[in-house]
Amino acid sequence: MTGYSRSPRLTKGAIVAFRPPLPLPSVIAFQYNPETLSRTVEARAAEGDGGTETFRLAGVPKEKITVDAMFDASDDLERGDSVAETIGLSPRLAALETLLYPEYATTIANTVLMNLGTIEVLPAKSPFTIFIWGKNRILPVRLSNLSITEEAYDPALNPIRAKVGMELQVLTTQDLKASHPGYGMYLAHHVIKETMAAIGTAQRLGRVLGSDVRLL
């Protein structure tokens, strides 16, 4: 027995969050990949008075990704994992939730500035977040909505099984400055998308209609 398996190792999806000046990102890998992933793609049509303006685009489309991920501490509990035994899934859920929170230090600092009468206090920045779903889908995103359903608890009422629904707004070249690392990341995604479209497009109308037809 060599231990070699012919079954390919399943790539896990993940959300990665960068919080400068911290050098290392937070990696929140899906324990189990969601069975479905829903995407909404909305065109950015340019405003115009008809004619040739009808076909103009103001930029790349808006895209929203919705996923439902399952988290379960059963395997960790069976292995005797001390964290799972003490607080269950709380650390994983907290890692996702804090993507929507300003850092507490920034909240305190802004409160002090407002109490001192500072005229302009800048809102806190959210972390730079990346959604990874295979090698061909690495996208800068903003977590816009989080829905958590806790389905089972340990004796101390720590969640040990939960379903997490996430809505992710893809950040495009319309949303980011050219100097931002997410700009090039989305641009690479755009190139991959066009390459895949070229591969999957029928080159002749005959393949569709049964015979070549001149349309234009």
N, C-alpha and C. Protein backbone atom coordinates (compact mmCIF):
# COMPACT_ATOMS: atom_id res chain seq x y z
N MET A 1 0.84 -1.19 0.00
CA MET A 1 0.00 0.00 0.00
C MET A 1 0.88 1.25 0.00
N THR A 2 0.69 2.10 -0.99
CA THR A 2 1.49 3.32 -1.08
C THR A 2 0.75 4.52 -0.49
N GLY A 3 -0.56 4.35 -0.26
CA GLY A 3 -1.34 5.47 0.23
C GLY A 3 -1.77 6.42 -0.87
N TYR A 4 -1.41 6.10 -2.11
CA TYR A 4 -1.79 6.96 -3.24
C TYR A 4 -3.25 6.77 -3.60
N SER A 5 -3.96 7.84 -3.81
CA SER A 5 -5.37 7.78 -4.19
C SER A 5 -5.55 8.40 -5.56
N ARG A 6 -6.35 7.74 -6.38
CA ARG A 6 -6.62 8.30 -7.71
C ARG A 6 -7.63 9.45 -7.64
N SER A 7 -8.33 9.58 -6.53
CA SER A 7 -9.30 10.67 -6.39
C SER A 7 -8.57 11.99 -6.18
N PRO A 8 -8.87 13.01 -6.98
CA PRO A 8 -8.19 14.29 -6.81
C PRO A 8 -8.57 14.93 -5.48
N ARG A 9 -7.61 15.60 -4.89
CA ARG A 9 -7.88 16.29 -3.64
C ARG A 9 -8.77 17.50 -3.92
N LEU A 10 -9.85 17.61 -3.17
CA LEU A 10 -10.81 18.67 -3.40
C LEU A 10 -10.24 20.01 -2.93
N THR A 11 -10.24 20.98 -3.82
CA THR A 11 -9.80 22.32 -3.46
C THR A 11 -10.86 23.00 -2.62
N LYS A 12 -10.45 23.60 -1.54
CA LYS A 12 -11.41 24.27 -0.68
C LYS A 12 -11.55 25.74 -1.06
N GLY A 13 -12.78 26.22 -1.03
CA GLY A 13 -13.01 27.64 -1.20
C GLY A 13 -12.63 28.36 0.09
N ALA A 14 -12.38 29.66 -0.03
CA ALA A 14 -11.96 30.41 1.16
C ALA A 14 -12.22 31.89 0.99
N ILE A 15 -12.25 32.57 2.12
CA ILE A 15 -12.27 34.03 2.15
C ILE A 15 -11.00 34.46 2.87
N VAL A 16 -10.27 35.37 2.23
CA VAL A 16 -9.00 35.85 2.79
C VAL A 16 -9.14 37.35 3.07
N ALA A 17 -8.77 37.76 4.28
CA ALA A 17 -8.91 39.17 4.66
C ALA A 17 -7.56 39.76 5.04
N PHE A 18 -7.21 40.88 4.42
CA PHE A 18 -5.97 41.60 4.74
C PHE A 18 -6.32 42.83 5.57
N ARG A 19 -5.61 42.99 6.69
CA ARG A 19 -5.83 44.13 7.58
C ARG A 19 -4.50 44.84 7.81
N PRO A 20 -4.10 45.72 6.89
CA PRO A 20 -2.84 46.45 7.09
C PRO A 20 -2.90 47.20 8.43
N PRO A 21 -1.77 47.32 9.14
CA PRO A 21 -0.41 46.95 8.74
C PRO A 21 -0.03 45.51 9.09
N LEU A 22 -0.98 44.67 9.51
CA LEU A 22 -0.65 43.28 9.82
C LEU A 22 -0.14 42.59 8.56
N PRO A 23 1.01 41.91 8.62
CA PRO A 23 1.60 41.34 7.41
C PRO A 23 0.89 40.09 6.91
N LEU A 24 0.28 39.32 7.82
CA LEU A 24 -0.34 38.06 7.43
C LEU A 24 -1.85 38.20 7.36
N PRO A 25 -2.47 37.63 6.34
CA PRO A 25 -3.93 37.72 6.21
C PRO A 25 -4.64 36.70 7.09
N SER A 26 -5.93 36.93 7.31
CA SER A 26 -6.78 35.94 7.96
C SER A 26 -7.37 35.06 6.86
N VAL A 27 -7.22 33.76 6.98
CA VAL A 27 -7.73 32.83 5.97
C VAL A 27 -8.89 32.04 6.59
N ILE A 28 -10.07 32.22 6.03
CA ILE A 28 -11.25 31.52 6.51
C ILE A 28 -11.65 30.52 5.43
N ALA A 29 -11.16 29.30 5.57
CA ALA A 29 -11.46 28.26 4.58
C ALA A 29 -12.81 27.64 4.89
N PHE A 30 -13.55 27.31 3.82
CA PHE A 30 -14.82 26.61 4.02
C PHE A 30 -14.52 25.19 4.49
N GLN A 31 -15.13 24.80 5.58
CA GLN A 31 -14.93 23.43 6.08
C GLN A 31 -15.45 22.43 5.05
N TYR A 32 -16.63 22.72 4.51
CA TYR A 32 -17.20 21.94 3.42
C TYR A 32 -17.58 22.93 2.33
N ASN A 33 -17.14 22.67 1.11
CA ASN A 33 -17.51 23.57 0.03
C ASN A 33 -19.03 23.59 -0.14
N PRO A 34 -19.63 24.78 -0.33
CA PRO A 34 -21.06 24.84 -0.58
C PRO A 34 -21.44 24.03 -1.82
N GLU A 35 -22.62 23.41 -1.78
CA GLU A 35 -23.06 22.61 -2.92
C GLU A 35 -23.48 23.49 -4.09
N THR A 36 -23.91 24.70 -3.80
CA THR A 36 -24.32 25.63 -4.85
C THR A 36 -23.71 27.00 -4.60
N LEU A 37 -23.55 27.74 -5.69
CA LEU A 37 -23.06 29.11 -5.62
C LEU A 37 -23.90 29.92 -6.60
N SER A 38 -24.54 30.96 -6.11
CA SER A 38 -25.41 31.77 -6.95
C SER A 38 -24.72 33.09 -7.29
N ARG A 39 -24.78 33.46 -8.58
CA ARG A 39 -24.16 34.71 -9.02
C ARG A 39 -25.18 35.55 -9.78
N THR A 40 -25.20 36.84 -9.49
CA THR A 40 -26.04 37.79 -10.22
C THR A 40 -25.12 38.78 -10.93
N VAL A 41 -25.25 38.87 -12.24
CA VAL A 41 -24.40 39.76 -13.04
C VAL A 41 -25.29 40.80 -13.71
N GLU A 42 -25.04 42.08 -13.40
CA GLU A 42 -25.88 43.17 -13.90
C GLU A 42 -25.05 44.12 -14.76
N ALA A 43 -25.51 44.36 -15.98
CA ALA A 43 -24.77 45.22 -16.91
C ALA A 43 -24.74 46.66 -16.44
N ARG A 44 -23.63 47.34 -16.74
CA ARG A 44 -23.55 48.79 -16.52
C ARG A 44 -23.76 49.46 -17.88
N ALA A 45 -25.00 49.71 -18.20
CA ALA A 45 -25.31 50.32 -19.49
C ALA A 45 -25.05 51.82 -19.44
N ALA A 46 -24.44 52.33 -20.51
CA ALA A 46 -24.18 53.77 -20.59
C ALA A 46 -25.48 54.50 -20.90
N GLU A 47 -25.65 55.66 -20.31
CA GLU A 47 -26.85 56.46 -20.60
C GLU A 47 -26.69 57.12 -21.96
N GLY A 48 -27.77 57.11 -22.72
CA GLY A 48 -27.72 57.71 -24.06
C GLY A 48 -29.11 57.89 -24.62
N ASP A 49 -29.18 58.49 -25.81
CA ASP A 49 -30.46 58.78 -26.44
C ASP A 49 -30.76 57.82 -27.58
N GLY A 50 -30.30 56.61 -27.48
CA GLY A 50 -30.57 55.64 -28.54
C GLY A 50 -29.50 55.67 -29.61
N GLY A 51 -29.80 55.07 -30.75
CA GLY A 51 -28.82 54.99 -31.82
C GLY A 51 -27.66 54.11 -31.42
N THR A 52 -26.44 54.53 -31.77
CA THR A 52 -25.26 53.74 -31.44
C THR A 52 -25.01 53.72 -29.93
N GLU A 53 -25.57 54.69 -29.19
CA GLU A 53 -25.37 54.74 -27.75
C GLU A 53 -26.04 53.55 -27.04
N THR A 54 -27.00 52.94 -27.71
CA THR A 54 -27.73 51.81 -27.12
C THR A 54 -26.79 50.68 -26.74
N PHE A 55 -25.72 50.51 -27.50
CA PHE A 55 -24.83 49.37 -27.31
C PHE A 55 -23.62 49.68 -26.44
N ARG A 56 -23.52 50.91 -25.95
CA ARG A 56 -22.35 51.27 -25.17
C ARG A 56 -22.49 50.81 -23.72
N LEU A 57 -21.35 50.43 -23.14
CA LEU A 57 -21.29 50.00 -21.74
C LEU A 57 -20.49 51.02 -20.93
N ALA A 58 -20.97 51.32 -19.74
CA ALA A 58 -20.28 52.27 -18.88
C ALA A 58 -19.09 51.63 -18.17
N GLY A 59 -19.00 50.31 -18.24
CA GLY A 59 -17.89 49.61 -17.59
C GLY A 59 -18.22 48.14 -17.42
N VAL A 60 -17.42 47.45 -16.65
CA VAL A 60 -17.66 46.03 -16.40
C VAL A 60 -18.92 45.88 -15.57
N PRO A 61 -19.58 44.72 -15.64
CA PRO A 61 -20.85 44.56 -14.93
C PRO A 61 -20.67 44.48 -13.41
N LYS A 62 -21.77 44.74 -12.72
CA LYS A 62 -21.82 44.52 -11.27
C LYS A 62 -22.10 43.04 -11.05
N GLU A 63 -21.44 42.46 -10.07
CA GLU A 63 -21.63 41.04 -9.80
C GLU A 63 -21.77 40.79 -8.30
N LYS A 64 -22.76 39.98 -7.95
CA LYS A 64 -22.98 39.61 -6.55
C LYS A 64 -22.94 38.09 -6.45
N ILE A 65 -22.23 37.58 -5.47
CA ILE A 65 -22.12 36.14 -5.25
C ILE A 65 -22.80 35.80 -3.93
N THR A 66 -23.62 34.75 -3.96
CA THR A 66 -24.30 34.28 -2.75
C THR A 66 -23.94 32.83 -2.52
N VAL A 67 -23.45 32.51 -1.33
CA VAL A 67 -23.09 31.13 -0.99
C VAL A 67 -23.64 30.78 0.39
N ASP A 68 -23.97 29.52 0.58
CA ASP A 68 -24.38 28.98 1.88
C ASP A 68 -23.36 27.93 2.28
N ALA A 69 -22.64 28.20 3.36
CA ALA A 69 -21.58 27.29 3.81
C ALA A 69 -21.99 26.62 5.12
N MET A 70 -21.64 25.35 5.26
CA MET A 70 -21.92 24.60 6.48
C MET A 70 -20.63 24.46 7.29
N PHE A 71 -20.75 24.66 8.60
CA PHE A 71 -19.63 24.46 9.52
C PHE A 71 -20.07 23.50 10.61
N ASP A 72 -19.21 22.55 10.94
CA ASP A 72 -19.56 21.52 11.92
C ASP A 72 -18.32 21.18 12.74
N ALA A 73 -18.48 21.18 14.06
CA ALA A 73 -17.35 20.90 14.95
C ALA A 73 -17.24 19.43 15.31
N SER A 74 -18.08 18.57 14.74
CA SER A 74 -18.11 17.15 15.15
C SER A 74 -16.75 16.47 15.01
N ASP A 75 -16.10 16.66 13.84
CA ASP A 75 -14.79 16.01 13.63
C ASP A 75 -13.76 16.50 14.64
N ASP A 76 -13.77 17.81 14.90
CA ASP A 76 -12.82 18.37 15.87
C ASP A 76 -13.08 17.81 17.27
N LEU A 77 -14.35 17.66 17.61
CA LEU A 77 -14.69 17.13 18.92
C LEU A 77 -14.26 15.68 19.06
N GLU A 78 -14.41 14.91 17.97
CA GLU A 78 -13.99 13.50 18.00
C GLU A 78 -12.48 13.37 18.17
N ARG A 79 -11.73 14.32 17.62
CA ARG A 79 -10.27 14.30 17.73
C ARG A 79 -9.79 14.85 19.07
N GLY A 80 -10.72 15.36 19.87
CA GLY A 80 -10.34 15.94 21.15
C GLY A 80 -9.73 17.31 21.04
N ASP A 81 -10.09 18.07 19.99
CA ASP A 81 -9.56 19.41 19.81
C ASP A 81 -9.99 20.29 20.99
N SER A 82 -9.00 20.89 21.68
CA SER A 82 -9.30 21.65 22.89
C SER A 82 -10.13 22.90 22.62
N VAL A 83 -9.90 23.55 21.47
CA VAL A 83 -10.67 24.77 21.14
C VAL A 83 -12.13 24.41 20.90
N ALA A 84 -12.36 23.36 20.10
CA ALA A 84 -13.74 22.95 19.82
C ALA A 84 -14.45 22.51 21.09
N GLU A 85 -13.73 21.82 21.97
CA GLU A 85 -14.34 21.37 23.22
C GLU A 85 -14.69 22.53 24.13
N THR A 86 -13.93 23.62 24.03
CA THR A 86 -14.15 24.76 24.94
C THR A 86 -15.17 25.75 24.40
N ILE A 87 -15.05 26.11 23.11
CA ILE A 87 -15.93 27.16 22.56
C ILE A 87 -16.55 26.79 21.21
N GLY A 88 -16.47 25.54 20.80
CA GLY A 88 -17.17 25.09 19.59
C GLY A 88 -16.74 25.83 18.34
N LEU A 89 -17.73 26.28 17.57
CA LEU A 89 -17.48 26.97 16.30
C LEU A 89 -17.30 28.47 16.47
N SER A 90 -17.37 28.96 17.69
CA SER A 90 -17.35 30.42 17.91
C SER A 90 -16.20 31.14 17.22
N PRO A 91 -14.95 30.59 17.22
CA PRO A 91 -13.87 31.30 16.53
C PRO A 91 -14.09 31.44 15.03
N ARG A 92 -14.61 30.39 14.37
CA ARG A 92 -14.83 30.47 12.92
C ARG A 92 -15.93 31.48 12.60
N LEU A 93 -17.00 31.45 13.38
CA LEU A 93 -18.09 32.39 13.14
C LEU A 93 -17.64 33.82 13.41
N ALA A 94 -16.85 34.00 14.47
CA ALA A 94 -16.35 35.34 14.80
C ALA A 94 -15.44 35.88 13.69
N ALA A 95 -14.64 35.00 13.08
CA ALA A 95 -13.75 35.43 12.00
C ALA A 95 -14.55 35.99 10.83
N LEU A 96 -15.70 35.39 10.55
CA LEU A 96 -16.55 35.90 9.47
C LEU A 96 -17.26 37.18 9.89
N GLU A 97 -17.80 37.20 11.10
CA GLU A 97 -18.56 38.36 11.54
C GLU A 97 -17.70 39.61 11.63
N THR A 98 -16.45 39.47 12.08
CA THR A 98 -15.60 40.65 12.24
C THR A 98 -15.23 41.29 10.91
N LEU A 99 -15.51 40.61 9.79
CA LEU A 99 -15.30 41.25 8.48
C LEU A 99 -16.27 42.42 8.30
N LEU A 100 -17.35 42.43 9.07
CA LEU A 100 -18.34 43.51 8.99
C LEU A 100 -18.16 44.55 10.08
N TYR A 101 -17.26 44.29 11.01
CA TYR A 101 -17.04 45.20 12.13
C TYR A 101 -15.85 46.13 11.87
N PRO A 102 -15.94 47.40 12.29
CA PRO A 102 -14.72 48.20 12.37
C PRO A 102 -13.89 47.69 13.54
N GLU A 103 -12.58 47.84 13.48
CA GLU A 103 -11.75 47.42 14.59
C GLU A 103 -12.08 48.26 15.82
N TYR A 104 -12.09 47.60 16.99
CA TYR A 104 -12.53 48.30 18.20
C TYR A 104 -11.63 49.48 18.54
N ALA A 105 -10.32 49.35 18.22
CA ALA A 105 -9.39 50.45 18.50
C ALA A 105 -9.75 51.68 17.68
N THR A 106 -10.17 51.45 16.43
CA THR A 106 -10.57 52.57 15.57
C THR A 106 -11.86 53.19 16.08
N THR A 107 -12.79 52.36 16.54
CA THR A 107 -14.05 52.86 17.10
C THR A 107 -13.79 53.76 18.30
N ILE A 108 -12.90 53.31 19.20
CA ILE A 108 -12.58 54.11 20.39
C ILE A 108 -11.89 55.42 19.99
N ALA A 109 -10.94 55.33 19.05
CA ALA A 109 -10.21 56.53 18.62
C ALA A 109 -11.15 57.55 17.98
N ASN A 110 -12.07 57.08 17.14
CA ASN A 110 -13.01 57.99 16.49
C ASN A 110 -13.96 58.62 17.51
N THR A 111 -14.36 57.85 18.52
CA THR A 111 -15.22 58.40 19.57
C THR A 111 -14.51 59.51 20.33
N VAL A 112 -13.23 59.31 20.64
CA VAL A 112 -12.44 60.34 21.33
C VAL A 112 -12.34 61.59 20.47
N LEU A 113 -12.06 61.40 19.17
CA LEU A 113 -11.93 62.56 18.26
C LEU A 113 -13.23 63.35 18.18
N MET A 114 -14.36 62.65 18.11
CA MET A 114 -15.65 63.34 18.04
C MET A 114 -15.94 64.08 19.33
N ASN A 115 -15.58 63.48 20.47
CA ASN A 115 -15.80 64.15 21.76
C ASN A 115 -14.91 65.38 21.92
N LEU A 116 -13.77 65.38 21.22
CA LEU A 116 -12.86 66.53 21.26
C LEU A 116 -13.28 67.62 20.30
N GLY A 117 -14.35 67.34 19.51
CA GLY A 117 -14.85 68.35 18.59
C GLY A 117 -14.19 68.34 17.23
N THR A 118 -13.53 67.25 16.88
CA THR A 118 -12.90 67.16 15.55
C THR A 118 -13.97 67.29 14.48
N ILE A 119 -13.73 68.17 13.53
CA ILE A 119 -14.75 68.47 12.51
C ILE A 119 -14.98 67.28 11.59
N GLU A 120 -13.91 66.65 11.13
CA GLU A 120 -14.04 65.53 10.19
C GLU A 120 -13.37 64.28 10.75
N VAL A 121 -14.16 63.24 10.96
CA VAL A 121 -13.65 61.96 11.42
C VAL A 121 -13.92 60.93 10.33
N LEU A 122 -12.86 60.34 9.79
CA LEU A 122 -13.01 59.39 8.70
C LEU A 122 -13.61 58.08 9.20
N PRO A 123 -14.56 57.51 8.46
CA PRO A 123 -15.11 56.21 8.85
C PRO A 123 -14.02 55.14 8.82
N ALA A 124 -14.22 54.11 9.62
CA ALA A 124 -13.25 53.01 9.67
C ALA A 124 -13.23 52.25 8.36
N LYS A 125 -12.06 51.71 8.01
CA LYS A 125 -11.93 50.91 6.78
C LYS A 125 -12.20 49.44 7.08
N SER A 126 -12.92 48.80 6.17
CA SER A 126 -13.09 47.35 6.27
C SER A 126 -11.85 46.68 5.71
N PRO A 127 -11.59 45.42 6.06
CA PRO A 127 -10.41 44.73 5.50
C PRO A 127 -10.55 44.51 4.01
N PHE A 128 -9.41 44.40 3.33
CA PHE A 128 -9.41 44.03 1.91
C PHE A 128 -9.67 42.53 1.85
N THR A 129 -10.79 42.16 1.26
CA THR A 129 -11.26 40.77 1.31
C THR A 129 -11.24 40.14 -0.08
N ILE A 130 -10.78 38.90 -0.12
CA ILE A 130 -10.68 38.15 -1.39
C ILE A 130 -11.49 36.86 -1.28
N PHE A 131 -12.26 36.58 -2.30
CA PHE A 131 -13.01 35.33 -2.39
C PHE A 131 -12.27 34.39 -3.34
N ILE A 132 -11.95 33.19 -2.85
CA ILE A 132 -11.21 32.21 -3.66
C ILE A 132 -12.11 31.01 -3.90
N TRP A 133 -12.33 30.72 -5.16
CA TRP A 133 -13.15 29.57 -5.56
C TRP A 133 -12.45 28.90 -6.74
N GLY A 134 -11.38 28.17 -6.45
CA GLY A 134 -10.57 27.57 -7.50
C GLY A 134 -9.57 28.57 -8.06
N LYS A 135 -8.69 28.07 -8.93
CA LYS A 135 -7.62 28.90 -9.47
C LYS A 135 -8.12 29.97 -10.44
N ASN A 136 -9.29 29.74 -11.05
CA ASN A 136 -9.77 30.68 -12.06
C ASN A 136 -10.74 31.71 -11.51
N ARG A 137 -11.03 31.63 -10.20
CA ARG A 137 -11.93 32.62 -9.60
C ARG A 137 -11.34 33.12 -8.29
N ILE A 138 -10.49 34.11 -8.41
CA ILE A 138 -9.90 34.78 -7.25
C ILE A 138 -10.29 36.25 -7.38
N LEU A 139 -11.22 36.68 -6.53
CA LEU A 139 -11.87 37.97 -6.74
C LEU A 139 -11.83 38.85 -5.51
N PRO A 140 -11.56 40.15 -5.70
CA PRO A 140 -11.71 41.08 -4.58
C PRO A 140 -13.21 41.30 -4.33
N VAL A 141 -13.61 41.22 -3.08
CA VAL A 141 -15.04 41.33 -2.75
C VAL A 141 -15.24 42.17 -1.50
N ARG A 142 -16.48 42.57 -1.30
CA ARG A 142 -16.91 43.18 -0.05
C ARG A 142 -18.06 42.33 0.49
N LEU A 143 -17.93 41.86 1.72
CA LEU A 143 -19.00 41.11 2.35
C LEU A 143 -20.11 42.09 2.70
N SER A 144 -21.26 41.94 2.05
CA SER A 144 -22.35 42.90 2.26
C SER A 144 -23.43 42.38 3.19
N ASN A 145 -23.51 41.05 3.34
CA ASN A 145 -24.57 40.50 4.18
C ASN A 145 -24.14 39.13 4.70
N LEU A 146 -24.47 38.87 5.94
CA LEU A 146 -24.11 37.61 6.59
C LEU A 146 -25.33 37.09 7.34
N SER A 147 -25.71 35.85 7.07
CA SER A 147 -26.85 35.24 7.74
C SER A 147 -26.38 33.94 8.40
N ILE A 148 -26.48 33.87 9.72
CA ILE A 148 -25.97 32.72 10.47
C ILE A 148 -27.14 32.00 11.15
N THR A 149 -27.26 30.71 10.86
CA THR A 149 -28.26 29.87 11.52
C THR A 149 -27.53 28.82 12.34
N GLU A 150 -27.55 28.97 13.66
CA GLU A 150 -26.90 28.00 14.55
C GLU A 150 -27.86 26.83 14.76
N GLU A 151 -27.41 25.62 14.46
CA GLU A 151 -28.31 24.48 14.41
C GLU A 151 -28.10 23.47 15.54
N ALA A 152 -26.97 23.54 16.23
CA ALA A 152 -26.72 22.61 17.34
C ALA A 152 -25.73 23.24 18.30
N TYR A 153 -25.82 22.84 19.59
CA TYR A 153 -24.99 23.43 20.64
C TYR A 153 -24.40 22.35 21.53
N ASP A 154 -23.29 22.71 22.20
CA ASP A 154 -22.74 21.83 23.22
C ASP A 154 -23.42 22.15 24.56
N PRO A 155 -23.10 21.44 25.63
CA PRO A 155 -23.76 21.70 26.91
C PRO A 155 -23.60 23.13 27.44
N ALA A 156 -22.53 23.83 27.00
CA ALA A 156 -22.32 25.21 27.44
C ALA A 156 -22.95 26.23 26.48
N LEU A 157 -23.77 25.73 25.53
CA LEU A 157 -24.46 26.55 24.53
C LEU A 157 -23.52 27.21 23.53
N ASN A 158 -22.35 26.63 23.32
CA ASN A 158 -21.50 27.05 22.21
C ASN A 158 -22.00 26.38 20.94
N PRO A 159 -22.08 27.13 19.83
CA PRO A 159 -22.54 26.50 18.58
C PRO A 159 -21.55 25.46 18.08
N ILE A 160 -22.06 24.29 17.70
CA ILE A 160 -21.18 23.24 17.15
C ILE A 160 -21.59 22.87 15.72
N ARG A 161 -22.70 23.39 15.25
CA ARG A 161 -23.07 23.24 13.85
C ARG A 161 -23.82 24.50 13.42
N ALA A 162 -23.45 25.03 12.25
CA ALA A 162 -24.07 26.27 11.79
C ALA A 162 -24.08 26.35 10.27
N LYS A 163 -25.11 27.00 9.75
CA LYS A 163 -25.21 27.30 8.32
C LYS A 163 -25.02 28.80 8.16
N VAL A 164 -24.09 29.18 7.28
CA VAL A 164 -23.75 30.59 7.11
C VAL A 164 -24.02 31.00 5.66
N GLY A 165 -24.94 31.95 5.49
CA GLY A 165 -25.21 32.52 4.17
C GLY A 165 -24.46 33.82 4.01
N MET A 166 -23.75 33.94 2.89
CA MET A 166 -22.93 35.13 2.64
C MET A 166 -23.30 35.77 1.31
N GLU A 167 -23.44 37.09 1.31
CA GLU A 167 -23.59 37.85 0.08
C GLU A 167 -22.32 38.66 -0.12
N LEU A 168 -21.69 38.46 -1.27
CA LEU A 168 -20.41 39.11 -1.57
C LEU A 168 -20.57 39.98 -2.80
N GLN A 169 -20.25 41.25 -2.66
CA GLN A 169 -20.26 42.16 -3.79
C GLN A 169 -18.87 42.18 -4.41
N VAL A 170 -18.76 41.77 -5.67
CA VAL A 170 -17.45 41.75 -6.33
C VAL A 170 -17.00 43.18 -6.58
N LEU A 171 -15.75 43.47 -6.20
CA LEU A 171 -15.18 44.79 -6.44
C LEU A 171 -14.43 44.76 -7.77
N THR A 172 -14.79 45.65 -8.67
CA THR A 172 -14.26 45.64 -10.03
C THR A 172 -13.31 46.81 -10.25
N THR A 173 -12.87 46.93 -11.49
CA THR A 173 -12.02 48.06 -11.86
C THR A 173 -12.78 49.38 -11.79
N GLN A 174 -14.10 49.33 -11.69
CA GLN A 174 -14.92 50.53 -11.50
C GLN A 174 -14.85 51.01 -10.05
N ASP A 175 -14.58 50.09 -9.14
CA ASP A 175 -14.63 50.39 -7.71
C ASP A 175 -13.27 50.67 -7.10
N LEU A 176 -12.19 50.23 -7.74
CA LEU A 176 -10.86 50.28 -7.15
C LEU A 176 -9.92 51.17 -7.96
N LYS A 177 -8.98 51.79 -7.28
CA LYS A 177 -7.96 52.57 -7.96
C LYS A 177 -6.97 51.62 -8.64
N ALA A 178 -6.34 52.10 -9.70
CA ALA A 178 -5.39 51.26 -10.45
C ALA A 178 -4.21 50.84 -9.58
N SER A 179 -3.91 51.59 -8.53
CA SER A 179 -2.79 51.26 -7.65
C SER A 179 -3.16 50.21 -6.60
N HIS A 180 -4.44 49.91 -6.46
CA HIS A 180 -4.88 48.94 -5.45
C HIS A 180 -4.62 47.52 -5.96
N PRO A 181 -4.15 46.61 -5.11
CA PRO A 181 -3.87 45.24 -5.58
C PRO A 181 -5.10 44.52 -6.12
N GLY A 182 -6.28 44.90 -5.66
CA GLY A 182 -7.50 44.27 -6.16
C GLY A 182 -7.81 44.63 -7.61
N TYR A 183 -7.27 45.78 -8.08
CA TYR A 183 -7.51 46.20 -9.46
C TYR A 183 -6.93 45.18 -10.44
N GLY A 184 -5.65 44.86 -10.25
CA GLY A 184 -4.99 43.89 -11.12
C GLY A 184 -5.59 42.50 -10.96
N MET A 185 -6.04 42.19 -9.76
CA MET A 185 -6.66 40.88 -9.50
C MET A 185 -7.94 40.73 -10.32
N TYR A 186 -8.76 41.79 -10.30
CA TYR A 186 -10.00 41.72 -11.08
C TYR A 186 -9.71 41.73 -12.58
N LEU A 187 -8.69 42.51 -12.99
CA LEU A 187 -8.33 42.56 -14.40
C LEU A 187 -7.91 41.18 -14.90
N ALA A 188 -7.16 40.44 -14.08
CA ALA A 188 -6.76 39.08 -14.45
C ALA A 188 -7.98 38.18 -14.59
N HIS A 189 -8.95 38.36 -13.70
CA HIS A 189 -10.20 37.60 -13.78
C HIS A 189 -10.93 37.92 -15.08
N HIS A 190 -10.91 39.20 -15.48
CA HIS A 190 -11.55 39.63 -16.72
C HIS A 190 -10.90 38.94 -17.92
N VAL A 191 -9.58 38.88 -17.93
CA VAL A 191 -8.86 38.22 -19.03
C VAL A 191 -9.21 36.74 -19.09
N ILE A 192 -9.23 36.07 -17.93
CA ILE A 192 -9.60 34.65 -17.89
C ILE A 192 -11.01 34.44 -18.42
N LYS A 193 -11.91 35.34 -18.04
CA LYS A 193 -13.31 35.23 -18.49
C LYS A 193 -13.40 35.32 -20.01
N GLU A 194 -12.70 36.28 -20.61
CA GLU A 194 -12.74 36.44 -22.07
C GLU A 194 -12.09 35.24 -22.76
N THR A 195 -11.03 34.71 -22.18
CA THR A 195 -10.37 33.54 -22.76
C THR A 195 -11.30 32.33 -22.75
N MET A 196 -11.98 32.11 -21.64
CA MET A 196 -12.92 30.99 -21.55
C MET A 196 -14.08 31.17 -22.52
N ALA A 197 -14.54 32.42 -22.67
CA ALA A 197 -15.64 32.68 -23.60
C ALA A 197 -15.23 32.34 -25.03
N ALA A 198 -13.98 32.65 -25.39
CA ALA A 198 -13.49 32.35 -26.75
C ALA A 198 -13.42 30.85 -26.98
N ILE A 199 -13.04 30.10 -25.94
CA ILE A 199 -12.95 28.65 -26.07
C ILE A 199 -14.33 28.02 -26.25
N GLY A 200 -15.31 28.57 -25.51
CA GLY A 200 -16.63 27.93 -25.51
C GLY A 200 -17.59 28.44 -26.56
N THR A 201 -17.17 29.36 -27.43
CA THR A 201 -18.08 29.93 -28.42
C THR A 201 -18.03 29.16 -29.73
N ALA A 202 -19.20 28.84 -30.28
CA ALA A 202 -19.26 28.20 -31.60
C ALA A 202 -18.77 29.19 -32.65
N GLN A 203 -17.87 28.75 -33.52
CA GLN A 203 -17.25 29.64 -34.49
C GLN A 203 -18.06 29.80 -35.77
N ARG A 204 -18.99 28.89 -36.00
CA ARG A 204 -19.78 28.98 -37.23
C ARG A 204 -21.26 28.83 -36.89
N LEU A 205 -22.08 29.62 -37.60
CA LEU A 205 -23.53 29.52 -37.39
C LEU A 205 -24.05 28.17 -37.83
N GLY A 206 -23.30 27.51 -38.71
CA GLY A 206 -23.74 26.20 -39.17
C GLY A 206 -23.87 25.20 -38.03
N ARG A 207 -23.07 25.37 -37.00
CA ARG A 207 -23.14 24.46 -35.86
C ARG A 207 -24.43 24.68 -35.07
N VAL A 208 -25.00 25.86 -35.21
CA VAL A 208 -26.22 26.19 -34.47
C VAL A 208 -27.47 25.97 -35.32
N LEU A 209 -27.42 26.45 -36.56
CA LEU A 209 -28.61 26.44 -37.42
C LEU A 209 -28.64 25.27 -38.41
N GLY A 210 -27.56 24.52 -38.48
CA GLY A 210 -27.52 23.39 -39.42
C GLY A 210 -26.92 23.76 -40.75
N SER A 211 -26.85 25.05 -41.08
CA SER A 211 -26.21 25.52 -42.30
C SER A 211 -25.76 26.95 -42.07
N ASP A 212 -24.74 27.36 -42.82
CA ASP A 212 -24.23 28.71 -42.65
C ASP A 212 -25.25 29.73 -43.14
N VAL A 213 -25.52 30.73 -42.35
CA VAL A 213 -26.47 31.79 -42.70
C VAL A 213 -25.79 33.12 -42.48
N ARG A 214 -25.92 34.04 -43.42
CA ARG A 214 -25.33 35.37 -43.28
C ARG A 214 -26.33 36.25 -42.55
N LEU A 215 -25.96 36.76 -41.39
CA LEU A 215 -26.87 37.63 -40.63
C LEU A 215 -26.58 39.10 -40.83
N LEU A 216 -25.33 39.45 -41.06
CA LEU A 216 -24.98 40.86 -41.21
C LEU A 216 -24.34 41.10 -42.56
